[in-house]
Structure formats: structure tokens, C-alpha cells
Protein backbone atom coordinates (compact mmCIF):
# COMPACT_ATOMS: atom_id res chain seq x y z
CA MET A 1 145.73 61.71 112.20
CA SER A 2 142.84 59.58 113.37
CA VAL A 3 139.06 59.42 113.13
CA ALA A 4 137.55 57.69 116.14
CA PRO A 5 135.39 54.66 115.32
CA ALA A 6 131.72 55.26 114.84
CA GLY A 7 129.45 54.84 117.79
CA ALA A 8 125.82 55.20 118.62
CA GLY A 9 125.79 58.94 119.37
CA ASP A 10 125.92 62.13 117.33
CA LEU A 11 129.52 63.33 117.79
CA HIS A 12 132.77 62.73 115.91
CA HIS A 13 135.98 63.27 117.86
CA LEU A 14 138.81 64.09 115.42
CA THR A 15 142.46 64.31 116.42
CA ILE A 16 145.20 66.18 114.55
CA ASP A 17 148.73 64.79 114.95
CA ARG A 18 150.42 68.19 115.40
CA PRO A 19 149.07 71.63 116.28
CA ASP A 20 150.24 72.99 112.89
CA ASP A 21 149.23 69.98 110.77
CA PHE A 22 147.29 71.68 107.98
CA ASP A 23 147.32 68.65 105.66
CA GLY A 24 145.96 66.40 108.40
CA TRP A 25 143.17 68.84 109.22
CA ARG A 26 142.31 69.34 105.53
CA GLU A 27 142.02 65.58 104.92
CA GLN A 28 139.65 65.06 107.83
CA ALA A 29 137.68 68.25 107.14
CA ARG A 30 137.15 67.18 103.52
CA THR A 31 135.93 63.77 104.67
CA MET A 32 133.49 65.26 107.16
CA ALA A 33 132.16 67.92 104.78
CA ALA A 34 131.74 65.35 101.98
CA ALA A 35 129.68 63.21 104.38
CA TYR A 36 127.44 66.17 105.35
CA ILE A 37 128.67 66.19 108.98
CA PRO A 38 127.77 69.67 110.35
CA PRO A 39 130.19 71.64 112.52
CA GLU A 40 128.20 71.13 115.71
CA CYS A 41 128.72 67.38 115.42
CA ILE A 42 132.52 67.46 115.49
CA VAL A 43 134.94 67.85 118.39
CA TRP A 44 138.50 68.63 117.35
CA SER A 45 141.71 68.16 119.32
CA ALA A 46 145.42 68.39 118.54
CA ASP A 47 147.85 65.62 119.47
CA GLY A 48 145.39 64.23 122.03
CA ARG A 49 145.83 67.28 124.28
CA GLY A 50 142.18 68.23 124.41
CA GLU A 51 142.15 71.39 122.26
CA ARG A 52 138.37 71.33 122.13
CA ASP A 53 136.15 73.48 119.95
CA LEU A 54 133.34 75.88 120.79
CA PHE A 55 130.50 73.84 119.37
CA GLY A 56 130.47 70.64 121.37
CA GLY A 57 131.81 69.00 124.48
CA PRO A 58 133.33 65.70 125.53
CA GLY A 59 131.48 62.78 126.96
CA ARG A 60 129.08 62.04 124.06
CA ASP A 61 129.19 59.00 121.79
CA LEU A 62 130.61 59.05 118.27
CA ALA A 63 128.25 58.92 115.30
CA PRO A 64 128.71 56.75 112.22
CA ILE A 65 129.75 58.54 109.04
CA PRO A 66 126.87 58.55 106.52
CA SER A 67 127.44 56.75 103.24
CA SER A 68 126.16 59.66 101.12
CA GLN A 69 128.97 61.83 99.75
CA ARG A 70 129.35 65.18 97.96
CA SER A 71 132.14 67.06 96.24
CA VAL A 72 133.79 69.57 98.60
CA ARG A 73 134.82 73.00 97.26
CA ALA A 74 137.56 75.17 98.76
CA ASN A 75 138.92 78.10 96.76
CA LYS A 76 142.48 79.43 96.91
CA ALA A 77 141.52 82.31 99.22
CA PHE A 78 140.16 79.89 101.82
CA LEU A 79 143.14 77.53 101.59
CA ARG A 80 145.60 80.42 101.91
CA LEU A 81 143.73 81.70 104.97
CA ALA A 82 143.47 78.22 106.50
CA ARG A 83 147.23 77.56 106.18
CA SER A 84 147.94 80.67 108.24
CA VAL A 85 145.16 80.19 110.80
CA MET A 86 146.31 76.61 111.38
CA LEU A 87 149.47 78.05 112.98
CA HIS A 88 147.48 80.16 115.49
CA LYS A 89 147.45 79.18 119.16
CA GLU A 90 143.65 79.48 119.43
CA PRO A 91 142.34 75.99 120.35
CA ALA A 92 139.10 76.61 118.42
CA ARG A 93 140.91 77.24 115.12
CA PHE A 94 140.10 73.76 113.69
CA ALA A 95 136.41 74.18 114.39
CA LEU A 96 136.29 77.76 113.18
CA LEU A 97 137.92 76.79 109.90
CA TYR A 98 135.62 73.83 109.43
CA LYS A 99 132.57 76.01 110.04
CA LEU A 100 133.78 78.40 107.33
CA LEU A 101 134.45 75.48 104.99
CA TRP A 102 130.94 74.15 105.70
CA ARG A 103 129.37 77.50 104.81
CA LEU A 104 131.56 77.78 101.72
CA GLN A 105 129.78 74.80 100.18
CA ASP A 106 126.51 76.77 99.98
CA ASP A 107 128.09 80.18 99.38
CA PRO A 108 131.08 79.98 96.98
CA HIS A 109 131.56 83.77 97.22
CA LEU A 110 131.82 83.75 101.01
CA MET A 111 135.51 84.67 101.02
CA GLU A 112 134.76 87.85 99.07
CA LYS A 113 132.42 89.15 101.79
CA VAL A 114 134.72 91.32 103.89
CA ALA A 115 131.94 92.10 106.38
CA ASP A 116 131.34 88.44 107.30
CA ARG A 117 132.10 88.14 111.01
CA GLU A 118 133.53 84.61 110.96
CA ALA A 119 135.71 85.24 107.91
CA HIS A 120 136.88 88.50 109.49
CA ARG A 121 137.79 86.77 112.75
CA LEU A 122 139.91 84.22 110.91
CA THR A 123 141.52 86.95 108.81
CA VAL A 124 142.55 88.73 112.00
CA MET A 125 143.99 85.48 113.37
CA ALA A 126 145.97 85.00 110.15
CA GLY A 127 147.33 88.51 110.60
CA HIS A 128 148.53 87.60 114.11
CA VAL A 129 150.38 84.61 112.68
CA ARG A 130 152.03 86.63 109.91
CA ARG A 131 153.16 89.20 112.45
CA ASP A 132 154.63 86.49 114.68
CA ILE A 133 156.50 85.02 111.70
CA HIS A 134 157.89 88.46 110.89
CA LYS A 135 158.97 89.02 114.50
CA MET A 136 160.79 85.72 114.59
CA ARG A 137 162.71 86.56 111.42
CA ALA A 138 163.55 90.01 112.76
CA PHE A 139 164.47 89.20 116.35
CA VAL A 140 166.17 85.80 116.31
CA ARG A 141 169.81 86.28 117.36
CA PHE A 142 172.24 83.42 116.82
CA ARG A 143 175.20 82.94 119.15
CA ALA A 144 178.19 80.71 118.39
CA ILE A 145 179.10 77.68 120.51
CA LYS A 146 181.75 74.96 120.13
CA GLU A 147 180.43 71.41 119.91
CA SER A 148 182.19 68.33 121.24
CA ASP A 149 183.77 67.58 117.86
CA GLY A 150 185.24 71.10 117.69
CA THR A 151 182.82 72.37 115.03
CA GLU A 152 180.94 75.63 115.44
CA ARG A 153 177.17 75.81 115.80
CA TYR A 154 174.95 78.90 116.00
CA VAL A 155 172.16 78.66 118.55
CA ALA A 156 169.20 81.02 119.01
CA TRP A 157 166.39 81.17 121.56
CA PHE A 158 162.93 82.47 120.62
CA GLU A 159 159.50 82.41 122.25
CA PRO A 160 156.84 82.51 119.51
CA ASP A 161 153.23 83.36 120.23
CA HIS A 162 151.96 80.76 117.77
CA HIS A 163 152.92 77.43 116.17
CA ILE A 164 155.22 79.00 113.57
CA LEU A 165 158.55 77.21 114.04
CA ARG A 166 158.17 74.58 111.30
CA ALA A 167 156.60 77.08 108.89
CA ASN A 168 159.52 79.46 109.44
CA ALA A 169 162.32 76.89 109.29
CA ASP A 170 162.76 77.16 105.50
CA PHE A 171 163.43 80.90 105.82
CA PHE A 172 166.48 80.26 108.00
CA LEU A 173 167.51 77.18 106.01
CA ASN A 174 167.61 79.18 102.76
CA ARG A 175 169.70 81.95 104.32
CA PHE A 176 172.06 79.94 106.49
CA ALA A 177 172.45 76.71 104.54
CA SER A 178 176.24 76.67 104.93
CA GLN A 179 176.20 76.99 108.75
CA ARG A 180 175.18 74.53 111.42
CA TRP A 181 172.46 76.08 113.56
CA SER A 182 169.66 75.43 116.04
CA ILE A 183 166.57 77.42 117.00
CA LEU A 184 165.24 76.59 120.45
CA THR A 185 161.69 77.39 121.56
CA PRO A 186 159.57 76.21 124.51
CA GLY A 187 157.38 74.06 122.23
CA SER A 188 159.95 72.42 119.96
CA CYS A 189 163.40 72.95 118.45
CA VAL A 190 164.84 72.64 114.94
CA HIS A 191 168.44 71.80 114.09
CA TRP A 192 170.37 72.01 110.80
CA ASP A 193 173.64 70.07 110.45
CA GLY A 194 174.39 71.15 106.88
CA LYS A 195 172.47 68.26 105.33
CA VAL A 196 169.37 67.37 107.34
CA LEU A 197 166.85 69.43 109.28
CA THR A 198 165.72 67.65 112.46
CA GLU A 199 163.27 68.42 115.23
CA THR A 200 163.46 67.79 118.98
CA PRO A 201 161.16 68.57 121.92
CA GLY A 202 161.02 72.04 123.47
CA ALA A 203 163.87 73.56 125.46
CA ASN A 204 164.48 76.06 128.26
CA ARG A 205 166.03 79.50 127.97
CA ASN A 206 169.09 78.25 129.86
CA ASP A 207 169.79 75.73 127.08
CA ALA A 208 170.79 78.61 124.78
CA PRO A 209 174.07 80.54 125.17
CA ALA A 210 173.82 83.96 126.82
CA GLU A 211 176.55 85.77 124.86
CA ASP A 212 179.37 85.21 122.40
CA ALA A 213 182.36 87.12 121.03
CA THR A 214 180.29 89.03 118.48
CA GLU A 215 178.08 90.79 121.06
CA ASP A 216 180.30 93.87 121.42
CA LEU A 217 180.69 94.15 117.64
CA TRP A 218 176.92 94.00 117.16
CA ARG A 219 176.30 96.62 119.84
CA ARG A 220 178.85 98.99 118.27
CA TYR A 221 177.19 98.55 114.89
CA TYR A 222 173.70 99.19 116.29
CA GLY A 223 174.87 102.27 118.17
CA SER A 224 176.56 103.67 115.06
CA ILE A 225 173.47 103.34 112.82
CA PHE A 226 171.03 104.70 115.42
CA ASN A 227 169.52 107.93 114.04
CA PRO A 228 167.93 110.09 116.78
CA ALA A 229 166.05 112.17 114.19
CA ARG A 230 164.14 109.04 113.16
CA LEU A 231 163.27 107.90 116.69
CA LYS A 232 159.59 107.29 117.46
CA VAL A 233 159.54 105.48 120.80
CA ALA A 234 155.92 104.31 120.61
CA MET A 235 156.39 102.98 117.09
CA MET A 236 159.71 101.35 118.01
CA VAL A 237 158.16 99.50 120.95
CA LYS A 238 155.22 98.47 118.74
CA GLU A 239 157.51 97.02 116.09
CA MET A 240 160.05 95.63 118.60
CA PRO A 241 158.05 94.75 121.75
CA ARG A 242 159.96 94.82 125.01
CA ARG A 243 159.55 91.08 125.57
CA TYR A 244 162.04 90.46 122.75
CA TRP A 245 164.66 92.76 124.24
CA LYS A 246 166.08 90.14 126.62
CA ASN A 247 167.26 88.10 123.62
CA LEU A 248 168.78 91.00 121.66
CA PRO A 249 172.42 92.00 122.25
CA GLU A 250 171.63 95.62 121.35
CA ALA A 251 168.78 95.81 123.88
CA ARG A 252 170.97 97.04 126.74
CA LEU A 253 171.81 100.11 124.61
CA ILE A 254 168.21 101.06 123.87
CA PRO A 255 167.34 102.94 127.11
CA GLU A 256 170.56 104.97 126.89
CA LEU A 257 170.04 105.74 123.20
CA ILE A 258 166.44 106.82 123.81
CA ALA A 259 167.45 109.00 126.75
CA GLY A 260 170.10 110.79 124.69
CA ALA A 261 168.15 110.97 121.43
CA GLN A 262 166.79 114.47 121.91
CA ALA A 263 170.22 115.91 122.75
CA ARG A 264 171.82 114.12 119.79
CA GLU A 265 169.14 115.35 117.42
CA ALA A 266 169.54 118.90 118.67
CA ASP A 267 173.28 118.60 118.16
CA MET A 268 172.77 117.34 114.59
CA VAL A 269 170.48 120.26 113.82
CA ALA A 270 172.74 122.77 115.56
CA GLN A 271 175.62 121.75 113.35
CA GLY A 272 173.68 123.02 110.36
CA VAL A 273 172.01 126.13 111.80
CA ASP A 274 172.69 129.38 109.95
CA THR A 275 175.09 127.78 107.52
CA PHE A 276 173.22 128.81 104.39
CA PRO A 277 175.69 130.77 102.24
CA GLU A 278 175.08 134.46 101.73
CA ALA A 279 175.22 134.12 97.96
CA LEU A 280 172.38 132.18 96.33
CA PRO A 281 173.31 129.41 93.86
CA ALA A 282 173.84 130.67 90.32
CA ARG A 283 172.43 127.60 88.56
CA LEU A 284 169.64 125.09 89.19
CA GLU A 285 172.20 122.28 89.01
CA GLU A 286 173.98 123.79 92.00
CA ILE A 287 170.73 123.78 93.98
CA ALA A 288 170.16 120.10 93.17
CA GLN A 289 173.69 119.22 94.26
CA ASP A 290 173.63 121.32 97.42
CA ILE A 291 170.27 120.07 98.75
CA SER A 292 171.58 116.50 98.51
CA LEU A 293 174.11 117.50 101.18
CA CYS A 294 171.76 119.58 103.33
CA ARG A 295 171.42 118.44 106.94
CA ARG A 296 169.99 121.64 108.41
CA CYS A 297 166.78 120.08 109.77
CA PRO A 298 165.70 116.64 111.07
CA ILE A 299 164.13 115.70 107.71
CA GLY A 300 167.45 116.26 105.98
CA CYS A 301 169.05 113.96 108.56
CA ASN A 302 166.59 111.07 108.16
CA GLY A 303 168.63 109.14 105.61
CA THR A 304 166.46 109.74 102.54
CA ARG A 305 167.82 111.34 99.39
CA SER A 306 166.76 114.81 98.34
CA VAL A 307 164.43 115.41 95.41
CA PRO A 308 165.22 118.59 93.44
CA GLY A 309 162.85 120.47 91.15
CA GLU A 310 162.37 119.43 87.55
CA GLY A 311 161.53 121.34 84.38
CA PRO A 312 162.83 124.24 82.28
CA GLU A 313 165.21 126.81 83.75
CA ARG A 314 162.80 129.58 82.80
CA ALA A 315 159.09 128.85 83.13
CA ARG A 316 156.02 131.05 83.31
CA LEU A 317 154.40 128.56 85.69
CA LEU A 318 156.08 127.04 88.75
CA ILE A 319 154.13 124.32 90.60
CA VAL A 320 155.04 123.80 94.26
CA GLY A 321 153.94 120.75 96.24
CA GLU A 322 154.48 119.88 99.88
CA GLN A 323 157.29 117.31 99.82
CA PRO A 324 158.39 114.25 97.82
CA GLY A 325 156.61 111.00 98.59
CA ASP A 326 157.82 107.42 98.81
CA GLN A 327 157.98 106.87 95.05
CA GLU A 328 159.49 110.30 94.39
CA GLU A 329 162.25 109.63 96.93
CA ARG A 330 163.05 106.28 95.34
CA GLU A 331 163.24 107.73 91.83
CA GLY A 332 164.72 111.11 92.80
CA ARG A 333 162.10 113.01 90.76
CA PRO A 334 159.12 115.14 91.85
CA PHE A 335 155.48 114.25 91.13
CA VAL A 336 155.98 110.75 89.70
CA GLY A 337 153.76 108.93 92.21
CA PRO A 338 149.96 108.58 92.26
CA ALA A 339 149.41 112.25 93.17
CA GLY A 340 151.75 113.36 90.37
CA GLN A 341 149.96 111.16 87.86
CA LEU A 342 146.62 112.66 88.88
CA LEU A 343 148.09 116.15 88.55
CA ASP A 344 149.30 115.35 85.02
CA GLU A 345 145.83 114.13 84.11
CA HIS A 346 144.18 117.38 85.21
CA LEU A 347 146.89 119.55 83.66
CA ASN A 348 146.35 117.84 80.32
CA ARG A 349 142.60 118.40 80.54
CA ALA A 350 143.19 122.07 81.27
CA GLY A 351 145.42 122.42 78.19
CA PHE A 352 148.81 122.71 79.92
CA ASP A 353 152.03 121.41 78.39
CA ARG A 354 153.90 119.73 81.27
CA SER A 355 157.23 120.15 79.48
CA LEU A 356 156.90 123.94 79.84
CA ILE A 357 156.20 123.81 83.60
CA ARG A 358 158.70 123.73 86.46
CA VAL A 359 157.65 121.45 89.35
CA THR A 360 159.23 121.38 92.80
CA ASN A 361 158.39 120.99 96.50
CA ALA A 362 158.42 123.21 99.57
CA VAL A 363 160.44 120.55 101.46
CA LYS A 364 163.12 118.64 99.58
CA HIS A 365 163.32 115.42 101.61
CA PHE A 366 160.67 112.78 102.37
CA LYS A 367 159.34 112.84 105.93
CA PHE A 368 157.72 109.55 106.87
CA GLU A 369 156.84 107.08 109.61
CA GLN A 370 157.89 103.45 109.20
CA ARG A 371 155.04 100.94 109.59
CA GLY A 372 156.35 97.48 108.93
CA LYS A 373 157.68 97.52 105.39
CA ARG A 374 155.72 100.65 104.42
CA ARG A 375 156.83 104.29 104.74
CA ILE A 376 153.82 106.42 105.64
CA HIS A 377 153.87 110.13 104.74
CA GLN A 378 154.06 112.63 107.60
CA ASN A 379 153.35 116.34 107.22
CA PRO A 380 156.38 118.59 107.74
CA THR A 381 156.15 121.04 110.61
CA ALA A 382 155.89 124.80 110.08
CA GLY A 383 159.48 125.16 111.27
CA GLU A 384 160.72 122.57 108.79
CA ILE A 385 158.88 124.29 105.93
CA ASP A 386 160.26 127.70 106.95
CA HIS A 387 163.80 126.31 107.21
CA CYS A 388 163.64 124.78 103.73
CA ARG A 389 162.27 128.00 102.20
CA TRP A 390 165.84 129.17 101.42
CA TRP A 391 166.09 126.52 98.70
CA LEU A 392 162.70 127.38 97.23
CA ASP A 393 163.55 131.09 97.15
CA ALA A 394 166.81 130.29 95.34
CA GLU A 395 164.91 128.22 92.79
CA ARG A 396 162.28 130.92 92.26
CA ARG A 397 164.95 133.55 91.68
CA LEU A 398 166.42 131.52 88.81
CA VAL A 399 163.16 130.31 87.23
CA LYS A 400 161.41 133.72 87.42
CA PRO A 401 157.83 132.40 87.06
CA ASP A 402 154.87 134.69 86.38
CA ILE A 403 152.55 132.57 88.51
CA ILE A 404 153.24 129.98 91.18
CA LEU A 405 150.65 127.24 91.70
CA ALA A 406 150.76 126.17 95.35
CA LEU A 407 149.28 122.72 95.99
CA GLY A 408 148.03 122.63 99.58
CA ALA A 409 148.58 124.60 102.76
CA SER A 410 152.22 123.54 103.27
CA ALA A 411 153.19 124.85 99.83
CA GLY A 412 151.20 127.99 100.54
CA ARG A 413 153.13 128.56 103.76
CA ALA A 414 156.46 128.21 101.96
CA LEU A 415 155.44 131.10 99.69
CA LEU A 416 153.36 133.33 101.98
CA GLY A 417 155.23 132.90 105.26
CA ARG A 418 151.98 131.86 106.95
CA THR A 419 149.74 128.82 106.73
CA PRO A 420 146.76 129.75 104.53
CA SER A 421 143.25 128.33 104.60
CA VAL A 422 142.95 126.60 101.25
CA ALA A 423 139.17 126.46 101.48
CA LYS A 424 138.92 130.25 101.92
CA GLU A 425 141.84 131.45 99.78
CA ARG A 426 141.84 129.15 96.76
CA GLY A 427 140.86 130.48 93.36
CA ARG A 428 142.29 134.00 93.61
CA LEU A 429 145.65 135.62 92.92
CA HIS A 430 147.96 136.55 95.78
CA PRO A 431 150.70 139.05 94.74
CA LEU A 432 154.19 138.16 95.98
CA PRO A 433 157.08 140.58 96.74
CA ASP A 434 159.17 139.45 93.76
CA GLY A 435 156.45 140.46 91.28
CA SER A 436 155.03 136.98 90.70
CA SER A 437 151.59 135.85 91.87
CA LEU A 438 150.41 132.88 93.88
CA TRP A 439 147.46 130.70 92.88
CA LEU A 440 146.36 128.34 95.66
CA THR A 441 144.47 125.04 95.38
CA VAL A 442 144.38 121.61 97.02
CA HIS A 443 147.08 119.00 96.71
CA PRO A 444 146.18 116.06 94.40
CA SER A 445 146.86 113.63 97.26
CA PHE A 446 143.79 115.12 98.97
CA LEU A 447 141.66 114.00 96.01
CA LEU A 448 143.08 110.47 96.24
CA ARG A 449 141.83 110.13 99.81
CA LEU A 450 138.22 110.81 98.81
CA ASP A 451 135.67 108.58 97.14
CA GLY A 452 132.18 108.72 95.73
CA GLU A 453 130.43 112.05 95.31
CA ALA A 454 132.97 113.90 97.46
CA GLN A 455 135.79 112.88 95.16
CA MET A 456 133.85 113.86 92.05
CA ARG A 457 132.95 117.24 93.53
CA GLU A 458 136.51 118.04 94.60
CA ARG A 459 138.04 116.83 91.35
CA ASN A 460 135.68 119.09 89.41
CA GLN A 461 136.66 122.04 91.63
CA PHE A 462 140.36 121.23 91.18
CA GLN A 463 139.87 121.11 87.41
CA HIS A 464 138.05 124.44 87.56
CA ASP A 465 140.99 126.01 89.46
CA LEU A 466 143.41 124.82 86.78
CA MET A 467 141.17 126.05 83.95
CA GLN A 468 141.07 129.52 85.53
CA LEU A 469 144.85 129.47 85.89
CA ARG A 470 145.25 128.45 82.26
CA ALA A 471 143.05 131.34 81.16
CA MET A 472 145.18 133.83 83.09
CA LEU A 473 148.39 132.49 81.54
């Protein structure tokens, strides 16, 4: 790190030793901010390579640092953001961060203003860095080589978008501390010998091994766990961009697996078509056990566990939702997530005793789309709802409810055989062939997606629907 000597002009040219040197930048930024040096009077560069900012240009003299000083404030939110942005490849990152630090001295709540354009830009840049770190952890593939002393070393090649290698080294060190390994990138390389982590200049792709003896084993494993019912090509390419494929041993299988996915899915479904037994289960416990083994539709084949109904064997009121959510699938119980908690709240207000109510879903498995680490709910299709109706009918036959409360259009379809308009058909009884009646309203998850006056209005209407139902029972 160096601050150029003061001159007779109005610019300060500051150099950071390394492109990812957060501590070096912070030290110089604190010095400049304490001396009241505004952003437009600083030119930043990294390692002398001319990474210039947006606020000044070269060729002007350097100004002396004023003797007056002030205390510089930087809250945890700014420091956390700056550590990530420092790893970005954008040459202007030093200047952009300093400008935000400069403004932070007059506005200590600046980081709380989500609409601020400069803070938003840096937040987006930090997101790019986090994504690149995640991709490196996901798509680095080590291959074994023999060194001159006969020991084994695992070598990987990766091409990061940003300056993330040093920041990511601890991740691999903590997981592979007992092996000797190297990660090669165009910018720099890191090497672990079992005791010391060292760094060398960047390498070429040809410096890394192309294949090793584990390639075939890895490809067999990947092919065996590939689930065609879960395939979303656009999402797969988004999460695993094609530029990483050349470094992945399983990549040569991907086109073939995609091409045959539809046929494999159809074969999986065909194996379960029309295999429902003629005799309905005699006990609710049998239903719970049998749906855990059901693979008669793509949702049943997606690897999640089934969520059976819950509540007394005989109940005057049966509540039917659409499908279990993320939390319900993890716990194996219906209506335990945010929507279930909101339902309990409104049931209590309406005077219902939850212990006397049977709750279940039209679809017994969780249908979702994977987005990073999150599983995002997806609505089941009409065909999937119709196919799963056999289980709901079996449950209804044993519970024998007087009234069934259907939460949302999907639940309504499972009971009516058609998709109803909740807005037009809520709040009135629909007689069903088995002698029970259907009462239709919205699903609590709909209320969770609203805010302000709309949420208050819909929650009041939902409460009104439950109060009417309570009066009828």
C-alpha cells in the first residue's frame, strides 16, 4: 500500500497492493476521509495496473493532505458490503466504496436506505461476488496427479469472474485439510501441502490434468441420481452455466440426459398408472403408509417425502389445502408453516377447536422449483390434482365429515372435479355426492402475499368466511 507524496495539485493517487486487499483500501480510505479529502480528489489503482476510478483522471499533480482530522464512522453493514465489493472485478470499486464512505459521515443511516442508487449498485456487485464464490465451491473438480516424490496431489482448474480465490481458500482448506491440493486460475493459484497454504502466479488450463481414474465413477454416480421429473433446463443452465461444463466430468452426460428426460419421466409415470387398488384403505394409518410409497405422478417421483393428513379419525370438519410446503415436507405434518400458523390464528378467533378438525391436502407431496438453496412452491397441475384425488377420496370416506373447507382453487378442484372461481363461489355451500358439503375460501398463503389495506380487507373476509362456517356447524 502506498500514498504518493504530496504535490502542488489537487489529486491524490492511491495504490492498493492487491486487487482484493480490503485492509489496505480501508486504511487509506480512513486516512483520506479523516483528512476531509473528497472522492473527486482521489484516483485509485490496484497493484500499479491503472485501475482508475470514475471521478478523476491521470496527469494531475498530487495535493498535500490537510492537517485537520476527524473521526471516521463506518457501521457493520458498510464494512460487510465493502468486504464483498472489494472482490469484484469492477475497476471503479475502490472509488465507489469511498464515495459511499464519504456520504456515510454525514448520513449515518445511509445503509438503511434501500432506494439509494449508489448503495444499491454496490449491493448488486456484492451479490455478483457471492454468486461467484458459490459457483466456485459448487463446480471445482479436483483430479489426482502423482508428484515427483510419489505423493498424490489433487489439482483443479477454475476461471472465476471476480477476485475470489483468496477469500475462498479457507473453504477448501477446512474441507480438505488432510489432502495435498492446488487450485489453478488465470489470475493466481493456491497450493496446500498439508501444513502451509502458498500462492503462485496465474496458470493456463493446460497446467491442470484433463482426467483421472475417478472420472467414470463420478459420471456413473451423476447418471444414477439424475431425476428426469425434476429437470428444468432453463433453471439448470442458470444455476450451472455452460461455461463451467468443460471442467465437469459429468458434463458430457448432460445433453444425453436432457434429451432422454421426457421419455424417462413418462416411463416412471407409466409404471404407476392405474395401479391404485380396487379396495380403499381400511384405516387412516394405511393411507399414510401407502402415500409414502406412491410414485404415480411426477410430484411423487421428485424425491420429497409425503405428508399425510392429521387429526381425529372422525371429524365434522375436514380442511383441505393445496399441497404441503417446504416446512411441512421437512416435518412431515400438514399446516405447520407460516400459512398453517395464520390459519390457526383465524380458526381460534372464529371459535374452532383445532384438535377436533382433520387437516389434509389435495396433493400429498411438495412440488417446488430449486432456486439456489431455497425451494420455491409451484402449483400442481390439474392432472396432478386429479391423479391424487384417489387418496383424498379414501380419507374422506373414513373421516366422514359434515362439511369440507376447501382452501383455494386447487383444493376446490380436488373436491368438485373442476377448478372453481374462488372469488365467485366462496361463502356458500356446495353439496357433494357423498352427502357432505363444500365451503370454499382462499388459501392463507394468499393472505401472506398481500400487504397494507389489501391484506387487512382480505383477512377480514377470510375471518368472515370462517365465522359463517362456525355458525353452520
